[in-house]
Amino acid sequence: MTGETAGHSYVGMWVTGDDLIRHELLPNGRYVEARGNRESAYQGRYEITGNHIQYWDDTGFTADGDFIDGVLHHAGMILYRDQ
């Protein structure tokens, strides 16, 4: 975990417009992704550098995304800050 990740303003809940996919970016550098009724569909660690996020899932796959104008673009999905 980078120092930037721990106190980053992007920490928190991010959701798709239909609320089907939910990414919770925890302040300890871990994330939990919920899909529909599956509350912990994926989980692992993440790091944020600038506006880029890199994910390392506990099952071994990696993914990344970018925060653009306050919106998270990740793996073809668009996630918004949960208010």
Protein backbone atom coordinates (compact mmCIF):
# COMPACT_ATOMS: atom_id res chain seq x y z
CA MET A 1 0.00 0.00 0.00
CA THR A 2 1.31 3.41 -0.86
CA GLY A 3 1.07 6.33 1.52
CA GLU A 4 -1.09 8.06 -1.05
CA THR A 5 -3.67 5.27 -0.92
CA ALA A 6 -4.18 5.34 2.86
CA GLY A 7 -5.57 8.87 3.07
CA HIS A 8 -6.66 9.33 -0.51
CA SER A 9 -9.84 11.23 -1.32
CA TYR A 10 -10.97 8.33 -3.55
CA VAL A 11 -11.37 6.02 -0.52
CA GLY A 12 -15.04 5.08 -0.06
CA MET A 13 -17.89 3.47 -1.98
CA TRP A 14 -18.18 3.61 -5.78
CA VAL A 15 -21.24 2.23 -7.61
CA THR A 16 -22.47 1.71 -11.15
CA GLY A 17 -25.50 3.74 -12.23
CA ASP A 18 -27.77 0.70 -11.74
CA ASP A 19 -26.17 -0.05 -8.31
CA LEU A 20 -25.38 -3.60 -9.51
CA ILE A 21 -21.60 -3.28 -9.00
CA ARG A 22 -20.22 -1.68 -5.85
CA HIS A 23 -16.53 -1.10 -5.10
CA GLU A 24 -15.63 -0.20 -1.55
CA LEU A 25 -12.10 1.21 -1.40
CA LEU A 26 -11.03 0.81 2.21
CA PRO A 27 -8.49 3.14 3.82
CA ASN A 28 -6.13 0.22 4.55
CA GLY A 29 -5.48 -0.38 0.82
CA ARG A 30 -7.98 -3.23 0.50
CA TYR A 31 -11.15 -3.30 -1.58
CA VAL A 32 -14.35 -5.32 -1.61
CA GLU A 33 -16.45 -5.58 -4.77
CA ALA A 34 -20.10 -6.53 -4.50
CA ARG A 35 -22.08 -7.72 -7.53
CA GLY A 36 -25.84 -7.86 -7.22
CA ASN A 37 -26.62 -9.92 -4.10
CA ARG A 38 -23.03 -11.17 -3.74
CA GLU A 39 -21.60 -8.82 -1.13
CA SER A 40 -17.99 -10.02 -1.41
CA ALA A 41 -17.78 -11.19 -5.02
CA TYR A 42 -14.16 -10.02 -5.24
CA GLN A 43 -11.68 -8.61 -2.79
CA GLY A 44 -8.02 -7.78 -2.68
CA ARG A 45 -5.64 -4.87 -2.47
CA TYR A 46 -5.32 -1.69 -4.48
CA GLU A 47 -2.95 1.22 -4.97
CA ILE A 48 -3.71 4.69 -6.26
CA THR A 49 -1.10 6.75 -8.09
CA GLY A 50 -2.38 10.12 -9.21
CA ASN A 51 -5.72 9.34 -10.87
CA HIS A 52 -4.86 5.71 -11.68
CA ILE A 53 -5.92 2.71 -9.59
CA GLN A 54 -4.38 -0.76 -9.78
CA TYR A 55 -6.18 -3.79 -8.29
CA TRP A 56 -4.70 -7.13 -7.21
CA ASP A 57 -7.50 -9.57 -6.46
CA ASP A 58 -6.93 -12.27 -3.82
CA THR A 59 -7.68 -14.93 -6.46
CA GLY A 60 -4.70 -13.76 -8.55
CA PHE A 61 -6.04 -11.55 -11.32
CA THR A 62 -5.22 -7.88 -11.77
CA ALA A 63 -7.19 -4.95 -13.11
CA ASP A 64 -6.86 -1.21 -13.29
CA GLY A 65 -8.85 1.94 -13.84
CA ASP A 66 -8.73 5.71 -13.93
CA PHE A 67 -10.56 8.45 -12.09
CA ILE A 68 -11.67 11.03 -14.66
CA ASP A 69 -13.61 14.10 -13.55
CA GLY A 70 -14.72 12.38 -10.33
CA VAL A 71 -15.86 9.19 -12.07
CA LEU A 72 -14.11 5.80 -11.86
CA HIS A 73 -13.60 4.08 -15.22
CA HIS A 74 -12.77 0.42 -14.55
CA ALA A 75 -12.88 -2.62 -16.86
CA GLY A 76 -15.52 -1.13 -19.15
CA MET A 77 -17.64 0.01 -16.21
CA ILE A 78 -18.35 3.52 -14.99
CA LEU A 79 -18.68 3.91 -11.24
CA TYR A 80 -19.82 6.99 -9.36
CA ARG A 81 -19.08 8.08 -5.81
CA ASP A 82 -21.89 6.81 -3.57
CA GLN A 83 -23.39 9.80 -1.83
